[in-house]
Amino acid sequence: MPRLLCLGDSITDCGRLFSADPSGNGYVKILSGLLHNAGYDFSMENRGIDGFTLERLLQNMDSWLEASDPDIVTVLIGINDIGIMMNTRRSSAQQQDLMEIFAARYEQLARKLSGTGSRKRKLFFLEPFVFPWPRCYASWFPLLSQMSVHIRTISQKYGAVFVPLQDDLNQKASLHGMSAITEDGIHLTRQGHRILAEKLYTLITSER
């Protein structure tokens, strides 16, 4: 049975730490249902933790990999790192320094996750996103664009699948309204989580 491990922050966590359901109430749970209903037999584990940055994920990842030994790993991380860059009175130069640190850490993440020798994992690196709702988040877009480029480049280097999300979610928000897709400009509604789950479902099943 293939083992799928989902890593991330509160968007991945989505209440799992305070719920009887270890998959949470978001895209991980929806993805699990989609796979099960289509007859795919996956063992799934949600290790998203509310508030996590990339640094915190790296600090915990070795023990998670040892415990889960996953065949497939999805990663959605970065929006809290952007929040630190934007909300801690950093200068533009300091923000760029933090972005370079983020890129170095993400490459470390990719190297650890990719496995060695015959033990190669399938990796899906999801693009962090934000909505200009409230409008203050619009100022986050330049740094998010830089982050997206770094993640895409690292994905290519380590053979991971880069999963673009920002443009797709923007289009859905334009079509259905912001409040239909996001709760607060960062976190997703049920409909938003379904969009993400369906995208992952298509990518994961196309690889099998």
N, C-alpha and C. Protein backbone atom coordinates (compact mmCIF):
# COMPACT_ATOMS: atom_id res chain seq x y z
N MET A 1 0.85 -1.19 0.00
CA MET A 1 0.00 0.00 0.00
C MET A 1 0.89 1.25 0.00
N PRO A 2 0.75 2.12 -1.01
CA PRO A 2 1.56 3.35 -1.04
C PRO A 2 1.24 4.25 0.15
N ARG A 3 2.28 4.85 0.70
CA ARG A 3 2.13 5.73 1.85
C ARG A 3 2.32 7.18 1.41
N LEU A 4 1.34 8.02 1.74
CA LEU A 4 1.34 9.42 1.34
C LEU A 4 1.41 10.29 2.60
N LEU A 5 2.41 11.17 2.65
CA LEU A 5 2.61 12.07 3.79
C LEU A 5 2.40 13.50 3.33
N CYS A 6 1.54 14.24 4.02
CA CYS A 6 1.24 15.63 3.70
C CYS A 6 1.84 16.54 4.76
N LEU A 7 2.75 17.43 4.33
CA LEU A 7 3.44 18.35 5.23
C LEU A 7 2.99 19.77 4.96
N GLY A 8 2.96 20.59 6.02
CA GLY A 8 2.59 21.98 5.80
C GLY A 8 2.26 22.71 7.09
N ASP A 9 1.54 23.80 6.92
CA ASP A 9 1.17 24.67 8.05
C ASP A 9 -0.32 24.52 8.33
N SER A 10 -0.97 25.61 8.74
CA SER A 10 -2.37 25.53 9.15
C SER A 10 -3.30 25.14 8.01
N ILE A 11 -2.93 25.45 6.77
CA ILE A 11 -3.80 25.11 5.64
C ILE A 11 -3.86 23.60 5.48
N THR A 12 -2.75 22.93 5.74
CA THR A 12 -2.72 21.47 5.70
C THR A 12 -3.31 20.88 6.98
N ASP A 13 -2.91 21.42 8.11
CA ASP A 13 -3.42 21.00 9.42
C ASP A 13 -4.95 21.01 9.42
N CYS A 14 -5.53 22.15 9.17
CA CYS A 14 -6.98 22.36 9.06
C CYS A 14 -7.76 21.65 10.17
N GLY A 15 -7.33 21.92 11.41
CA GLY A 15 -8.08 21.43 12.55
C GLY A 15 -7.76 20.03 13.02
N ARG A 16 -6.79 19.36 12.40
CA ARG A 16 -6.54 17.96 12.77
C ARG A 16 -6.06 17.81 14.21
N LEU A 17 -5.34 18.82 14.72
CA LEU A 17 -4.79 18.72 16.07
C LEU A 17 -5.87 18.79 17.14
N PHE A 18 -7.04 19.28 16.77
CA PHE A 18 -8.14 19.41 17.73
C PHE A 18 -9.37 18.61 17.28
N SER A 19 -9.12 17.59 16.48
CA SER A 19 -10.22 16.81 15.92
C SER A 19 -9.96 15.33 16.13
N ALA A 20 -11.02 14.57 16.19
CA ALA A 20 -10.88 13.12 16.27
C ALA A 20 -10.40 12.53 14.95
N ASP A 21 -10.54 13.31 13.88
CA ASP A 21 -10.12 12.86 12.56
C ASP A 21 -8.68 13.30 12.32
N PRO A 22 -7.72 12.40 12.26
CA PRO A 22 -6.31 12.78 12.09
C PRO A 22 -5.99 13.38 10.74
N SER A 23 -6.90 13.29 9.79
CA SER A 23 -6.66 13.90 8.48
C SER A 23 -7.09 15.36 8.44
N GLY A 24 -7.75 15.85 9.50
CA GLY A 24 -8.20 17.23 9.52
C GLY A 24 -9.50 17.42 8.76
N ASN A 25 -9.80 18.66 8.44
CA ASN A 25 -11.07 18.98 7.78
C ASN A 25 -10.88 19.68 6.44
N GLY A 26 -9.67 19.57 5.86
CA GLY A 26 -9.37 20.30 4.64
C GLY A 26 -9.02 19.41 3.47
N TYR A 27 -8.07 19.88 2.67
CA TYR A 27 -7.76 19.20 1.41
C TYR A 27 -7.21 17.79 1.61
N VAL A 28 -6.53 17.53 2.72
CA VAL A 28 -6.01 16.18 2.95
C VAL A 28 -7.16 15.19 3.10
N LYS A 29 -8.16 15.56 3.86
CA LYS A 29 -9.33 14.69 4.04
C LYS A 29 -10.08 14.51 2.73
N ILE A 30 -10.26 15.59 1.99
CA ILE A 30 -10.97 15.50 0.71
C ILE A 30 -10.19 14.64 -0.27
N LEU A 31 -8.86 14.82 -0.32
CA LEU A 31 -8.02 14.01 -1.20
C LEU A 31 -8.12 12.53 -0.84
N SER A 32 -8.10 12.22 0.45
CA SER A 32 -8.23 10.85 0.89
C SER A 32 -9.54 10.24 0.40
N GLY A 33 -10.61 11.01 0.50
CA GLY A 33 -11.91 10.54 0.03
C GLY A 33 -11.95 10.32 -1.47
N LEU A 34 -11.36 11.23 -2.22
CA LEU A 34 -11.32 11.10 -3.67
C LEU A 34 -10.56 9.84 -4.08
N LEU A 35 -9.42 9.60 -3.46
CA LEU A 35 -8.62 8.41 -3.78
C LEU A 35 -9.37 7.13 -3.41
N HIS A 36 -9.97 7.12 -2.22
CA HIS A 36 -10.71 5.94 -1.76
C HIS A 36 -11.89 5.64 -2.68
N ASN A 37 -12.65 6.68 -3.03
CA ASN A 37 -13.84 6.48 -3.86
C ASN A 37 -13.50 6.01 -5.26
N ALA A 38 -12.28 6.33 -5.72
CA ALA A 38 -11.85 5.89 -7.05
C ALA A 38 -11.16 4.53 -7.01
N GLY A 39 -11.09 3.91 -5.83
CA GLY A 39 -10.53 2.58 -5.72
C GLY A 39 -9.03 2.52 -5.47
N TYR A 40 -8.42 3.68 -5.19
CA TYR A 40 -6.99 3.70 -4.89
C TYR A 40 -6.79 3.40 -3.40
N ASP A 41 -5.83 2.54 -3.13
CA ASP A 41 -5.58 2.11 -1.76
C ASP A 41 -4.32 2.81 -1.25
N PHE A 42 -4.50 3.93 -0.56
CA PHE A 42 -3.40 4.72 -0.03
C PHE A 42 -3.47 4.76 1.50
N SER A 43 -2.31 4.74 2.13
CA SER A 43 -2.21 5.08 3.54
C SER A 43 -1.79 6.54 3.62
N MET A 44 -2.62 7.38 4.26
CA MET A 44 -2.36 8.81 4.26
C MET A 44 -2.13 9.33 5.67
N GLU A 45 -1.19 10.27 5.78
CA GLU A 45 -0.89 10.88 7.07
C GLU A 45 -0.76 12.38 6.91
N ASN A 46 -1.47 13.12 7.74
CA ASN A 46 -1.42 14.58 7.74
C ASN A 46 -0.49 15.03 8.87
N ARG A 47 0.60 15.72 8.48
CA ARG A 47 1.52 16.27 9.48
C ARG A 47 1.59 17.79 9.40
N GLY A 48 0.56 18.41 8.87
CA GLY A 48 0.49 19.86 8.89
C GLY A 48 0.33 20.36 10.32
N ILE A 49 1.01 21.47 10.64
CA ILE A 49 0.91 22.04 11.99
C ILE A 49 0.70 23.55 11.88
N ASP A 50 -0.34 24.02 12.51
CA ASP A 50 -0.71 25.44 12.51
C ASP A 50 0.49 26.29 12.92
N GLY A 51 0.79 27.33 12.13
CA GLY A 51 1.84 28.27 12.45
C GLY A 51 3.22 27.88 11.98
N PHE A 52 3.37 26.72 11.37
CA PHE A 52 4.70 26.26 10.99
C PHE A 52 5.32 27.12 9.88
N THR A 53 6.59 27.38 10.05
CA THR A 53 7.44 27.94 9.00
C THR A 53 8.26 26.79 8.41
N LEU A 54 9.01 27.08 7.36
CA LEU A 54 9.87 26.07 6.77
C LEU A 54 10.92 25.59 7.77
N GLU A 55 11.46 26.51 8.56
CA GLU A 55 12.45 26.12 9.56
C GLU A 55 11.89 25.10 10.54
N ARG A 56 10.67 25.33 11.01
CA ARG A 56 10.05 24.42 11.98
C ARG A 56 9.75 23.06 11.33
N LEU A 57 9.36 23.09 10.07
CA LEU A 57 9.11 21.83 9.37
C LEU A 57 10.39 21.01 9.30
N LEU A 58 11.49 21.66 8.93
CA LEU A 58 12.77 20.96 8.83
C LEU A 58 13.20 20.37 10.17
N GLN A 59 12.92 21.07 11.25
CA GLN A 59 13.31 20.58 12.57
C GLN A 59 12.61 19.27 12.95
N ASN A 60 11.45 19.03 12.37
CA ASN A 60 10.66 17.85 12.71
C ASN A 60 10.69 16.75 11.64
N MET A 61 11.20 17.07 10.47
CA MET A 61 10.99 16.19 9.32
C MET A 61 11.69 14.84 9.43
N ASP A 62 12.88 14.80 9.99
CA ASP A 62 13.61 13.53 10.06
C ASP A 62 12.82 12.48 10.83
N SER A 63 12.25 12.87 11.96
CA SER A 63 11.48 11.91 12.76
C SER A 63 10.21 11.48 12.04
N TRP A 64 9.59 12.41 11.32
CA TRP A 64 8.38 12.07 10.56
C TRP A 64 8.69 11.10 9.43
N LEU A 65 9.79 11.34 8.73
CA LEU A 65 10.16 10.45 7.63
C LEU A 65 10.49 9.05 8.16
N GLU A 66 11.18 9.00 9.27
CA GLU A 66 11.52 7.70 9.86
C GLU A 66 10.27 6.95 10.28
N ALA A 67 9.31 7.68 10.86
CA ALA A 67 8.09 7.03 11.34
C ALA A 67 7.17 6.60 10.20
N SER A 68 7.09 7.43 9.15
CA SER A 68 6.13 7.18 8.07
C SER A 68 6.72 6.43 6.89
N ASP A 69 8.00 6.66 6.61
CA ASP A 69 8.66 6.08 5.44
C ASP A 69 7.76 6.21 4.20
N PRO A 70 7.37 7.43 3.83
CA PRO A 70 6.38 7.61 2.77
C PRO A 70 6.93 7.33 1.37
N ASP A 71 6.03 6.96 0.48
CA ASP A 71 6.35 6.82 -0.94
C ASP A 71 6.10 8.12 -1.68
N ILE A 72 5.13 8.90 -1.19
CA ILE A 72 4.73 10.16 -1.80
C ILE A 72 4.66 11.22 -0.71
N VAL A 73 5.19 12.41 -1.00
CA VAL A 73 5.14 13.51 -0.03
C VAL A 73 4.63 14.76 -0.73
N THR A 74 3.66 15.42 -0.11
CA THR A 74 3.22 16.73 -0.57
C THR A 74 3.66 17.77 0.46
N VAL A 75 4.06 18.94 -0.03
CA VAL A 75 4.52 20.01 0.85
C VAL A 75 3.84 21.32 0.45
N LEU A 76 3.18 21.95 1.41
CA LEU A 76 2.65 23.30 1.23
C LEU A 76 3.13 24.14 2.40
N ILE A 77 4.16 24.94 2.17
CA ILE A 77 4.78 25.72 3.24
C ILE A 77 5.29 27.03 2.66
N GLY A 78 5.31 28.08 3.49
CA GLY A 78 5.89 29.33 3.03
C GLY A 78 5.12 30.58 3.39
N ILE A 79 3.81 30.47 3.58
CA ILE A 79 3.04 31.68 3.80
C ILE A 79 3.38 32.31 5.15
N ASN A 80 3.71 31.49 6.15
CA ASN A 80 4.12 32.06 7.45
C ASN A 80 5.50 32.70 7.36
N ASP A 81 6.34 32.16 6.50
CA ASP A 81 7.65 32.80 6.26
C ASP A 81 7.46 34.17 5.62
N ILE A 82 6.52 34.28 4.68
CA ILE A 82 6.22 35.58 4.08
C ILE A 82 5.68 36.53 5.14
N GLY A 83 4.83 36.02 6.02
CA GLY A 83 4.29 36.85 7.09
C GLY A 83 5.38 37.44 7.96
N ILE A 84 6.40 36.64 8.26
CA ILE A 84 7.52 37.14 9.05
C ILE A 84 8.27 38.22 8.29
N MET A 85 8.50 38.01 7.01
CA MET A 85 9.19 39.01 6.19
C MET A 85 8.43 40.33 6.14
N MET A 86 7.11 40.24 6.08
CA MET A 86 6.29 41.43 5.85
C MET A 86 5.89 42.13 7.14
N ASN A 87 5.75 41.41 8.22
CA ASN A 87 5.12 41.96 9.43
C ASN A 87 6.08 42.20 10.58
N THR A 88 7.37 42.20 10.31
CA THR A 88 8.35 42.37 11.40
C THR A 88 9.28 43.55 11.13
N ARG A 89 8.79 44.50 10.36
CA ARG A 89 9.50 45.76 10.10
C ARG A 89 10.90 45.53 9.51
N ARG A 90 11.02 44.49 8.68
CA ARG A 90 12.26 44.27 7.98
C ARG A 90 12.41 45.27 6.83
N SER A 91 13.65 45.68 6.56
CA SER A 91 13.93 46.48 5.37
C SER A 91 13.85 45.57 4.14
N SER A 92 13.84 46.17 2.97
CA SER A 92 13.82 45.38 1.74
C SER A 92 15.03 44.46 1.67
N ALA A 93 16.19 44.96 2.08
CA ALA A 93 17.41 44.15 2.07
C ALA A 93 17.29 42.98 3.04
N GLN A 94 16.72 43.21 4.20
CA GLN A 94 16.54 42.14 5.17
C GLN A 94 15.53 41.11 4.67
N GLN A 95 14.49 41.58 4.00
CA GLN A 95 13.52 40.65 3.41
C GLN A 95 14.20 39.75 2.38
N GLN A 96 15.09 40.34 1.58
CA GLN A 96 15.80 39.54 0.58
C GLN A 96 16.74 38.53 1.24
N ASP A 97 17.35 38.92 2.33
CA ASP A 97 18.20 37.99 3.07
C ASP A 97 17.37 36.80 3.57
N LEU A 98 16.19 37.09 4.10
CA LEU A 98 15.32 36.02 4.58
C LEU A 98 14.85 35.13 3.43
N MET A 99 14.61 35.73 2.27
CA MET A 99 14.19 34.95 1.11
C MET A 99 15.30 34.00 0.67
N GLU A 100 16.54 34.45 0.72
CA GLU A 100 17.66 33.57 0.36
C GLU A 100 17.81 32.44 1.36
N ILE A 101 17.58 32.74 2.63
CA ILE A 101 17.61 31.68 3.65
C ILE A 101 16.50 30.67 3.39
N PHE A 102 15.32 31.18 3.05
CA PHE A 102 14.20 30.29 2.74
C PHE A 102 14.56 29.37 1.58
N ALA A 103 15.14 29.92 0.52
CA ALA A 103 15.49 29.11 -0.65
C ALA A 103 16.50 28.03 -0.28
N ALA A 104 17.49 28.38 0.53
CA ALA A 104 18.49 27.40 0.96
C ALA A 104 17.84 26.30 1.79
N ARG A 105 16.93 26.68 2.66
CA ARG A 105 16.23 25.68 3.48
C ARG A 105 15.32 24.81 2.64
N TYR A 106 14.68 25.39 1.63
CA TYR A 106 13.79 24.58 0.79
C TYR A 106 14.60 23.56 0.00
N GLU A 107 15.79 23.94 -0.43
CA GLU A 107 16.64 22.97 -1.12
C GLU A 107 17.06 21.86 -0.16
N GLN A 108 17.34 22.21 1.08
CA GLN A 108 17.65 21.20 2.09
C GLN A 108 16.47 20.24 2.27
N LEU A 109 15.27 20.81 2.30
CA LEU A 109 14.04 20.00 2.39
C LEU A 109 13.95 19.04 1.21
N ALA A 110 14.15 19.56 0.00
CA ALA A 110 14.04 18.73 -1.19
C ALA A 110 15.07 17.60 -1.18
N ARG A 111 16.28 17.92 -0.73
CA ARG A 111 17.35 16.92 -0.68
C ARG A 111 17.01 15.80 0.30
N LYS A 112 16.48 16.17 1.47
CA LYS A 112 16.11 15.17 2.47
C LYS A 112 14.94 14.30 1.99
N LEU A 113 13.97 14.94 1.36
CA LEU A 113 12.77 14.22 0.95
C LEU A 113 12.99 13.32 -0.26
N SER A 114 13.91 13.69 -1.12
CA SER A 114 14.04 12.99 -2.39
C SER A 114 14.53 11.56 -2.23
N GLY A 115 15.18 11.25 -1.10
CA GLY A 115 15.65 9.89 -0.87
C GLY A 115 16.96 9.63 -1.60
N THR A 116 17.50 8.46 -1.39
CA THR A 116 18.78 8.09 -2.00
C THR A 116 18.69 6.71 -2.62
N GLY A 117 19.56 6.47 -3.60
CA GLY A 117 19.64 5.16 -4.22
C GLY A 117 18.32 4.73 -4.82
N SER A 118 17.91 3.50 -4.49
CA SER A 118 16.67 2.96 -5.05
C SER A 118 15.44 3.49 -4.34
N ARG A 119 15.65 4.15 -3.19
CA ARG A 119 14.52 4.66 -2.39
C ARG A 119 14.21 6.09 -2.81
N LYS A 120 13.51 6.21 -3.93
CA LYS A 120 13.14 7.52 -4.44
C LYS A 120 11.67 7.78 -4.16
N ARG A 121 11.38 8.94 -3.61
CA ARG A 121 10.00 9.30 -3.32
C ARG A 121 9.46 10.22 -4.41
N LYS A 122 8.16 10.15 -4.60
CA LYS A 122 7.50 11.10 -5.50
C LYS A 122 7.12 12.32 -4.68
N LEU A 123 7.56 13.49 -5.13
CA LEU A 123 7.38 14.72 -4.37
C LEU A 123 6.48 15.70 -5.13
N PHE A 124 5.60 16.35 -4.38
CA PHE A 124 4.73 17.38 -4.93
C PHE A 124 4.91 18.63 -4.07
N PHE A 125 5.52 19.66 -4.66
CA PHE A 125 5.78 20.91 -3.96
C PHE A 125 4.73 21.94 -4.38
N LEU A 126 3.87 22.31 -3.46
CA LEU A 126 2.74 23.20 -3.75
C LEU A 126 3.14 24.66 -3.58
N GLU A 127 2.67 25.48 -4.47
CA GLU A 127 2.97 26.91 -4.45
C GLU A 127 2.18 27.61 -3.33
N PRO A 128 2.86 28.32 -2.43
CA PRO A 128 2.13 29.12 -1.44
C PRO A 128 1.31 30.21 -2.12
N PHE A 129 0.26 30.64 -1.47
CA PHE A 129 -0.67 31.60 -2.10
C PHE A 129 -1.25 32.52 -1.04
N VAL A 130 -1.79 33.62 -1.52
CA VAL A 130 -2.53 34.56 -0.68
C VAL A 130 -3.52 35.28 -1.57
N PHE A 131 -4.54 35.85 -0.97
CA PHE A 131 -5.56 36.60 -1.72
C PHE A 131 -5.53 38.08 -1.30
N PRO A 132 -5.80 38.98 -2.22
CA PRO A 132 -5.83 40.41 -1.86
C PRO A 132 -7.14 40.79 -1.17
N TRP A 133 -7.46 40.06 -0.11
CA TRP A 133 -8.74 40.22 0.59
C TRP A 133 -8.56 39.78 2.03
N PRO A 134 -8.26 40.64 2.95
CA PRO A 134 -8.25 42.11 2.83
C PRO A 134 -7.09 42.62 1.96
N ARG A 135 -7.22 43.86 1.55
CA ARG A 135 -6.32 44.41 0.54
C ARG A 135 -4.88 44.49 1.00
N CYS A 136 -4.63 44.48 2.30
CA CYS A 136 -3.25 44.56 2.80
C CYS A 136 -2.39 43.41 2.28
N TYR A 137 -3.01 42.28 1.97
CA TYR A 137 -2.23 41.14 1.50
C TYR A 137 -1.70 41.33 0.09
N ALA A 138 -2.22 42.31 -0.64
CA ALA A 138 -1.71 42.56 -1.98
C ALA A 138 -0.22 42.91 -1.95
N SER A 139 0.24 43.50 -0.86
CA SER A 139 1.65 43.87 -0.75
C SER A 139 2.55 42.64 -0.59
N TRP A 140 1.96 41.47 -0.32
CA TRP A 140 2.75 40.25 -0.16
C TRP A 140 3.12 39.62 -1.51
N PHE A 141 2.42 40.01 -2.56
CA PHE A 141 2.58 39.33 -3.84
C PHE A 141 4.00 39.37 -4.41
N PRO A 142 4.74 40.47 -4.35
CA PRO A 142 6.10 40.45 -4.91
C PRO A 142 7.00 39.40 -4.26
N LEU A 143 6.96 39.30 -2.93
CA LEU A 143 7.77 38.29 -2.26
C LEU A 143 7.26 36.88 -2.55
N LEU A 144 5.96 36.73 -2.61
CA LEU A 144 5.40 35.41 -2.94
C LEU A 144 5.82 34.96 -4.34
N SER A 145 5.87 35.90 -5.26
CA SER A 145 6.31 35.57 -6.62
C SER A 145 7.76 35.09 -6.61
N GLN A 146 8.61 35.76 -5.85
CA GLN A 146 9.99 35.32 -5.72
C GLN A 146 10.06 33.91 -5.12
N MET A 147 9.29 33.69 -4.07
CA MET A 147 9.26 32.39 -3.43
C MET A 147 8.82 31.30 -4.39
N SER A 148 7.82 31.60 -5.19
CA SER A 148 7.32 30.65 -6.16
C SER A 148 8.40 30.26 -7.17
N VAL A 149 9.18 31.24 -7.62
CA VAL A 149 10.27 30.96 -8.56
C VAL A 149 11.30 30.03 -7.91
N HIS A 150 11.65 30.30 -6.67
CA HIS A 150 12.61 29.44 -5.96
C HIS A 150 12.09 28.00 -5.86
N ILE A 151 10.82 27.85 -5.48
CA ILE A 151 10.27 26.51 -5.30
C ILE A 151 10.19 25.78 -6.64
N ARG A 152 9.81 26.50 -7.68
CA ARG A 152 9.74 25.88 -9.01
C ARG A 152 11.13 25.41 -9.45
N THR A 153 12.14 26.25 -9.25
CA THR A 153 13.50 25.91 -9.65
C THR A 153 14.02 24.70 -8.88
N ILE A 154 13.76 24.67 -7.57
CA ILE A 154 14.20 23.55 -6.74
C ILE A 154 13.44 22.28 -7.12
N SER A 155 12.17 22.41 -7.46
CA SER A 155 11.38 21.26 -7.90
C SER A 155 12.02 20.63 -9.13
N GLN A 156 12.39 21.45 -10.09
CA GLN A 156 13.01 20.94 -11.31
C GLN A 156 14.33 20.25 -11.01
N LYS A 157 15.10 20.82 -10.11
CA LYS A 157 16.42 20.28 -9.78
C LYS A 157 16.32 18.90 -9.13
N TYR A 158 15.30 18.69 -8.32
CA TYR A 158 15.19 17.45 -7.55
C TYR A 158 14.10 16.51 -8.08
N GLY A 159 13.59 16.79 -9.25
CA GLY A 159 12.62 15.90 -9.86
C GLY A 159 11.26 15.89 -9.19
N ALA A 160 10.94 16.95 -8.47
CA ALA A 160 9.63 17.06 -7.84
C ALA A 160 8.63 17.68 -8.81
N VAL A 161 7.36 17.47 -8.54
CA VAL A 161 6.29 18.10 -9.31
C VAL A 161 5.94 19.42 -8.64
N PHE A 162 6.14 20.53 -9.35
CA PHE A 162 5.71 21.83 -8.84
C PHE A 162 4.23 22.00 -9.13
N VAL A 163 3.47 22.37 -8.10
CA VAL A 163 2.02 22.49 -8.24
C VAL A 163 1.63 23.97 -8.12
N PRO A 164 1.42 24.66 -9.25
CA PRO A 164 1.01 26.06 -9.18
C PRO A 164 -0.40 26.20 -8.64
N LEU A 165 -0.61 27.16 -7.76
CA LEU A 165 -1.92 27.34 -7.14
C LEU A 165 -2.44 28.76 -7.23
N GLN A 166 -1.55 29.76 -7.17
CA GLN A 166 -1.99 31.15 -7.06
C GLN A 166 -2.93 31.56 -8.20
N ASP A 167 -2.54 31.32 -9.43
CA ASP A 167 -3.35 31.75 -10.57
C ASP A 167 -4.69 31.01 -10.60
N ASP A 168 -4.67 29.70 -10.33
CA ASP A 168 -5.91 28.93 -10.34
C ASP A 168 -6.88 29.42 -9.27
N LEU A 169 -6.36 29.66 -8.09
CA LEU A 169 -7.23 30.13 -7.01
C LEU A 169 -7.74 31.55 -7.28
N ASN A 170 -6.89 32.39 -7.89
CA ASN A 170 -7.34 33.73 -8.28
C ASN A 170 -8.50 33.65 -9.25
N GLN A 171 -8.38 32.75 -10.22
CA GLN A 171 -9.45 32.60 -11.23
C GLN A 171 -10.74 32.12 -10.59
N LYS A 172 -10.63 31.16 -9.67
CA LYS A 172 -11.83 30.67 -9.00
C LYS A 172 -12.46 31.76 -8.13
N ALA A 173 -11.61 32.56 -7.49
CA ALA A 173 -12.13 33.65 -6.66
C ALA A 173 -12.82 34.71 -7.52
N SER A 174 -12.27 34.97 -8.71
CA SER A 174 -12.90 35.93 -9.62
C SER A 174 -14.24 35.41 -10.10
N LEU A 175 -14.33 34.10 -10.28
CA LEU A 175 -15.56 33.50 -10.79
C LEU A 175 -16.64 33.39 -9.71
N HIS A 176 -16.24 32.98 -8.52
CA HIS A 176 -17.22 32.67 -7.47
C HIS A 176 -17.28 33.70 -6.35
N GLY A 177 -16.30 34.60 -6.31
CA GLY A 177 -16.20 35.57 -5.22
C GLY A 177 -15.15 35.12 -4.21
N MET A 178 -14.45 36.09 -3.64
CA MET A 178 -13.38 35.79 -2.70
C MET A 178 -13.88 34.96 -1.52
N SER A 179 -15.02 35.32 -0.97
CA SER A 179 -15.51 34.65 0.24
C SER A 179 -15.91 33.21 -0.02
N ALA A 180 -16.06 32.83 -1.28
CA ALA A 180 -16.37 31.44 -1.60
C ALA A 180 -15.13 30.56 -1.54
N ILE A 181 -13.95 31.16 -1.68
CA ILE A 181 -12.71 30.40 -1.79
C ILE A 181 -11.82 30.56 -0.55
N THR A 182 -11.82 31.75 0.04
CA THR A 182 -10.95 31.98 1.20
C THR A 182 -11.74 32.55 2.37
N GLU A 183 -11.36 32.13 3.57
CA GLU A 183 -12.02 32.63 4.78
C GLU A 183 -11.51 34.01 5.18
N ASP A 184 -10.22 34.25 4.96
CA ASP A 184 -9.60 35.46 5.52
C ASP A 184 -8.44 36.00 4.69
N GLY A 185 -8.30 35.53 3.45
CA GLY A 185 -7.20 35.95 2.59
C GLY A 185 -6.04 34.99 2.59
N ILE A 186 -5.99 34.08 3.56
CA ILE A 186 -4.92 33.07 3.63
C ILE A 186 -5.50 31.66 3.68
N HIS A 187 -6.45 31.43 4.57
CA HIS A 187 -7.01 30.09 4.74
C HIS A 187 -8.17 29.88 3.75
N LEU A 188 -8.38 28.61 3.43
CA LEU A 188 -9.36 28.25 2.41
C LEU A 188 -10.70 27.85 3.01
N THR A 189 -11.76 28.09 2.27
CA THR A 189 -13.07 27.54 2.59
C THR A 189 -13.11 26.09 2.14
N ARG A 190 -14.21 25.44 2.41
CA ARG A 190 -14.38 24.05 1.95
C ARG A 190 -14.22 23.98 0.43
N GLN A 191 -14.78 24.94 -0.27
CA GLN A 191 -14.67 24.94 -1.73
C GLN A 191 -13.21 25.15 -2.16
N GLY A 192 -12.51 26.01 -1.47
CA GLY A 192 -11.11 26.22 -1.77
C GLY A 192 -10.28 24.97 -1.54
N HIS A 193 -10.53 24.29 -0.43
CA HIS A 193 -9.83 23.04 -0.15
C HIS A 193 -10.13 21.98 -1.21
N ARG A 194 -11.34 21.96 -1.71
CA ARG A 194 -11.69 20.98 -2.74
C ARG A 194 -10.91 21.25 -4.03
N ILE A 195 -10.75 22.51 -4.38
CA ILE A 195 -9.97 22.86 -5.57
C ILE A 195 -8.55 22.30 -5.45
N LEU A 196 -7.96 22.50 -4.28
CA LEU A 196 -6.60 22.02 -4.05
C LEU A 196 -6.56 20.49 -4.07
N ALA A 197 -7.51 19.85 -3.42
CA ALA A 197 -7.55 18.38 -3.37
C ALA A 197 -7.72 17.78 -4.75
N GLU A 198 -8.59 18.35 -5.56
CA GLU A 198 -8.83 17.82 -6.90
C GLU A 198 -7.60 17.97 -7.78
N LYS A 199 -6.87 19.07 -7.62
CA LYS A 199 -5.64 19.25 -8.39
C LYS A 199 -4.61 18.19 -8.00
N LEU A 200 -4.44 17.97 -6.70
CA LEU A 200 -3.51 16.94 -6.24
C LEU A 200 -3.95 15.55 -6.68
N TYR A 201 -5.23 15.29 -6.60
CA TYR A 201 -5.75 13.99 -7.02
C TYR A 201 -5.38 13.70 -8.47
N THR A 202 -5.60 14.67 -9.33
CA THR A 202 -5.29 14.49 -10.75
C THR A 202 -3.80 14.23 -10.96
N LEU A 203 -2.95 14.99 -10.26
CA LEU A 203 -1.51 14.82 -10.43
C LEU A 203 -1.02 13.49 -9.87
N ILE A 204 -1.50 13.12 -8.70
CA ILE A 204 -1.05 11.88 -8.07
C ILE A 204 -1.49 10.65 -8.87
N THR A 205 -2.74 10.64 -9.31
CA THR A 205 -3.22 9.48 -10.04
C THR A 205 -2.64 9.40 -11.45
N SER A 206 -2.26 10.52 -12.03
CA SER A 206 -1.66 10.50 -13.37
C SER A 206 -0.25 9.92 -13.34
N GLU A 207 0.36 9.90 -12.14
CA GLU A 207 1.71 9.37 -11.99
C GLU A 207 1.71 7.85 -11.78
N ARG A 208 0.54 7.26 -11.61
CA ARG A 208 0.49 5.83 -11.27
C ARG A 208 0.25 4.97 -12.49
